[in-house]
Amino acid sequence: MSNNIFQDIIDKKIPAEIIYEDDLALAFNDISPQAPIHILVIPKKPITKLSASDDDDQKLLGHLLLVVKKITSDKNISDYRVAINNGAEAGQTVFHLHLHILAGRTFGWPTG
């Protein structure tokens, strides 16, 4: 996978407001928030999108959801949406897997 803005954030080449970091994942505030709270959770392993993951990524994918749980718990966020866009037509603009944590407003259904 070629470098992208998320890989540059992981590599600390560009700054980000980091919310959480461990050996497998990094979370930071989105620079173009779509809600009052908009945090991105990304794996440090370069995976372009969810559909590009494989069976070996099972533990990592579960870990990303547990990171969401930890962040929302630590920030006392009880109502939130978690979204993963898979592909350009689904709204993915950075091709490095990422989970959006959105909160702080009411969300409608269906989305988009």
C-alpha atoms as a PDB file:
ATOM      1  CA  MET A   1       0.000   0.000   0.000  1.00  0.00           C
ATOM      2  CA  SER A   2       1.363   3.425  -0.880  1.00  0.00           C
ATOM      3  CA  ASN A   3       1.694   6.024   1.841  1.00  0.00           C
ATOM      4  CA  ASN A   4      -1.325   8.113   2.659  1.00  0.00           C
ATOM      5  CA  ILE A   5      -2.199  10.730   5.247  1.00  0.00           C
ATOM      6  CA  PHE A   6      -3.041   8.095   7.883  1.00  0.00           C
ATOM      7  CA  GLN A   7       0.290   6.325   7.413  1.00  0.00           C
ATOM      8  CA  ASP A   8       1.998   9.719   7.746  1.00  0.00           C
ATOM      9  CA  ILE A   9       0.124  10.244  11.041  1.00  0.00           C
ATOM     10  CA  ILE A  10       1.214   6.794  12.252  1.00  0.00           C
ATOM     11  CA  ASP A  11       4.810   7.614  11.257  1.00  0.00           C
ATOM     12  CA  LYS A  12       4.501  11.005  13.041  1.00  0.00           C
ATOM     13  CA  LYS A  13       5.376  12.825   9.807  1.00  0.00           C
ATOM     14  CA  ILE A  14       2.332  15.054  10.191  1.00  0.00           C
ATOM     15  CA  PRO A  15       0.659  16.106  13.425  1.00  0.00           C
ATOM     16  CA  ALA A  16      -2.679  14.893  14.684  1.00  0.00           C
ATOM     17  CA  GLU A  17      -4.629  15.334  17.894  1.00  0.00           C
ATOM     18  CA  ILE A  18      -4.045  11.797  19.156  1.00  0.00           C
ATOM     19  CA  ILE A  19      -6.710  10.428  21.488  1.00  0.00           C
ATOM     20  CA  TYR A  20      -5.337   6.885  21.934  1.00  0.00           C
ATOM     21  CA  GLU A  21      -2.350   4.828  20.833  1.00  0.00           C
ATOM     22  CA  ASP A  22      -1.063   1.321  21.437  1.00  0.00           C
ATOM     23  CA  ASP A  23       1.069  -1.148  19.467  1.00  0.00           C
ATOM     24  CA  LEU A  24      -1.776  -2.015  17.084  1.00  0.00           C
ATOM     25  CA  ALA A  25      -3.941   1.079  16.746  1.00  0.00           C
ATOM     26  CA  LEU A  26      -4.063   4.848  16.769  1.00  0.00           C
ATOM     27  CA  ALA A  27      -7.048   7.146  17.302  1.00  0.00           C
ATOM     28  CA  PHE A  28      -7.257  10.856  16.617  1.00  0.00           C
ATOM     29  CA  ASN A  29      -9.756  13.647  16.037  1.00  0.00           C
ATOM     30  CA  ASP A  30     -10.941  13.974  12.448  1.00  0.00           C
ATOM     31  CA  ILE A  31      -9.763  17.204  10.825  1.00  0.00           C
ATOM     32  CA  SER A  32     -13.089  17.510   9.001  1.00  0.00           C
ATOM     33  CA  PRO A  33     -15.605  16.488  11.676  1.00  0.00           C
ATOM     34  CA  GLN A  34     -19.105  15.424  10.673  1.00  0.00           C
ATOM     35  CA  ALA A  35     -20.369  15.591  14.267  1.00  0.00           C
ATOM     36  CA  PRO A  36     -19.352  17.448  17.446  1.00  0.00           C
ATOM     37  CA  ILE A  37     -17.295  14.360  18.319  1.00  0.00           C
ATOM     38  CA  HIS A  38     -15.617  12.669  15.359  1.00  0.00           C
ATOM     39  CA  ILE A  39     -12.718  10.374  16.169  1.00  0.00           C
ATOM     40  CA  LEU A  40     -10.966   8.057  13.725  1.00  0.00           C
ATOM     41  CA  VAL A  41      -9.560   4.718  14.878  1.00  0.00           C
ATOM     42  CA  ILE A  42      -7.007   3.147  12.540  1.00  0.00           C
ATOM     43  CA  PRO A  43      -4.862   0.034  12.596  1.00  0.00           C
ATOM     44  CA  LYS A  44      -1.133   0.590  12.379  1.00  0.00           C
ATOM     45  CA  LYS A  45      -1.024  -2.322   9.952  1.00  0.00           C
ATOM     46  CA  PRO A  46      -1.683  -1.018   6.438  1.00  0.00           C
ATOM     47  CA  ILE A  47      -5.022  -2.456   5.311  1.00  0.00           C
ATOM     48  CA  THR A  48      -6.615  -0.467   2.482  1.00  0.00           C
ATOM     49  CA  LYS A  49     -10.230  -1.238   3.405  1.00  0.00           C
ATOM     50  CA  LEU A  50     -12.289  -3.737   5.367  1.00  0.00           C
ATOM     51  CA  SER A  51     -12.806  -5.984   2.351  1.00  0.00           C
ATOM     52  CA  ALA A  52      -9.009  -6.203   1.937  1.00  0.00           C
ATOM     53  CA  SER A  53      -8.583  -7.710   5.410  1.00  0.00           C
ATOM     54  CA  ASP A  54      -8.123 -11.454   5.771  1.00  0.00           C
ATOM     55  CA  ASP A  55      -8.576 -14.162   8.380  1.00  0.00           C
ATOM     56  CA  ASP A  56      -5.189 -13.284   9.924  1.00  0.00           C
ATOM     57  CA  ASP A  57      -6.630  -9.836  10.785  1.00  0.00           C
ATOM     58  CA  GLN A  58      -9.415 -11.208  12.999  1.00  0.00           C
ATOM     59  CA  LYS A  59      -7.705 -10.281  16.280  1.00  0.00           C
ATOM     60  CA  LEU A  60      -6.757  -6.825  14.977  1.00  0.00           C
ATOM     61  CA  LEU A  61     -10.297  -6.086  13.775  1.00  0.00           C
ATOM     62  CA  GLY A  62     -11.713  -7.080  17.159  1.00  0.00           C
ATOM     63  CA  HIS A  63      -9.068  -4.950  18.852  1.00  0.00           C
ATOM     64  CA  LEU A  64     -10.191  -1.891  16.875  1.00  0.00           C
ATOM     65  CA  LEU A  65     -13.734  -2.308  18.225  1.00  0.00           C
ATOM     66  CA  LEU A  66     -12.387  -2.646  21.760  1.00  0.00           C
ATOM     67  CA  VAL A  67     -10.436   0.588  21.219  1.00  0.00           C
ATOM     68  CA  VAL A  68     -13.749   2.246  20.270  1.00  0.00           C
ATOM     69  CA  LYS A  69     -15.248   0.910  23.497  1.00  0.00           C
ATOM     70  CA  LYS A  70     -12.301   2.176  25.563  1.00  0.00           C
ATOM     71  CA  ILE A  71     -12.346   5.653  24.026  1.00  0.00           C
ATOM     72  CA  THR A  72     -16.100   6.085  24.402  1.00  0.00           C
ATOM     73  CA  SER A  73     -15.969   4.792  27.971  1.00  0.00           C
ATOM     74  CA  ASP A  74     -13.025   7.044  28.914  1.00  0.00           C
ATOM     75  CA  LYS A  75     -14.806  10.064  27.419  1.00  0.00           C
ATOM     76  CA  ASN A  76     -18.183   9.157  28.967  1.00  0.00           C
ATOM     77  CA  ILE A  77     -19.806   8.900  25.539  1.00  0.00           C
ATOM     78  CA  SER A  78     -22.827   6.641  25.869  1.00  0.00           C
ATOM     79  CA  ASP A  79     -24.586   7.277  22.537  1.00  0.00           C
ATOM     80  CA  TYR A  80     -22.483   7.085  19.401  1.00  0.00           C
ATOM     81  CA  ARG A  81     -22.291   5.693  15.898  1.00  0.00           C
ATOM     82  CA  VAL A  82     -19.403   3.644  14.537  1.00  0.00           C
ATOM     83  CA  ALA A  83     -19.033   3.661  10.757  1.00  0.00           C
ATOM     84  CA  ILE A  84     -16.661   1.986   8.308  1.00  0.00           C
ATOM     85  CA  ASN A  85     -16.745   3.111   4.684  1.00  0.00           C
ATOM     86  CA  ASN A  86     -15.528   0.418   2.277  1.00  0.00           C
ATOM     87  CA  GLY A  87     -14.636   1.805  -1.132  1.00  0.00           C
ATOM     88  CA  ALA A  88     -15.030   5.093  -2.946  1.00  0.00           C
ATOM     89  CA  GLU A  89     -18.744   4.684  -3.671  1.00  0.00           C
ATOM     90  CA  ALA A  90     -19.333   4.108   0.049  1.00  0.00           C
ATOM     91  CA  GLY A  91     -17.594   7.390   0.877  1.00  0.00           C
ATOM     92  CA  GLN A  92     -14.072   6.157   1.637  1.00  0.00           C
ATOM     93  CA  THR A  93     -11.584   8.887   0.733  1.00  0.00           C
ATOM     94  CA  VAL A  94      -8.448   7.636   2.497  1.00  0.00           C
ATOM     95  CA  PHE A  95      -7.581   4.075   1.578  1.00  0.00           C
ATOM     96  CA  HIS A  96      -6.359   2.933   4.968  1.00  0.00           C
ATOM     97  CA  LEU A  97      -8.985   1.107   7.026  1.00  0.00           C
ATOM     98  CA  HIS A  98     -10.543   3.414   9.618  1.00  0.00           C
ATOM     99  CA  LEU A  99     -13.483   3.421  11.982  1.00  0.00           C
ATOM    100  CA  HIS A 100     -15.394   6.640  12.563  1.00  0.00           C
ATOM    101  CA  ILE A 101     -16.699   7.305  16.070  1.00  0.00           C
ATOM    102  CA  LEU A 102     -19.437   9.923  15.717  1.00  0.00           C
ATOM    103  CA  ALA A 103     -21.286  11.455  18.670  1.00  0.00           C
ATOM    104  CA  GLY A 104     -22.689  14.634  20.125  1.00  0.00           C
ATOM    105  CA  ARG A 105     -25.741  14.944  17.889  1.00  0.00           C
ATOM    106  CA  THR A 106     -28.766  12.921  16.811  1.00  0.00           C
ATOM    107  CA  PHE A 107     -28.281  10.690  13.794  1.00  0.00           C
ATOM    108  CA  GLY A 108     -30.981   9.657  11.357  1.00  0.00           C
ATOM    109  CA  TRP A 109     -31.557   6.330   9.699  1.00  0.00           C
ATOM    110  CA  PRO A 110     -30.943   5.312   7.048  1.00  0.00           C
ATOM    111  CA  THR A 111     -27.642   7.119   6.629  1.00  0.00           C
ATOM    112  CA  GLY A 112     -26.482   8.923   3.490  1.00  0.00           C
END
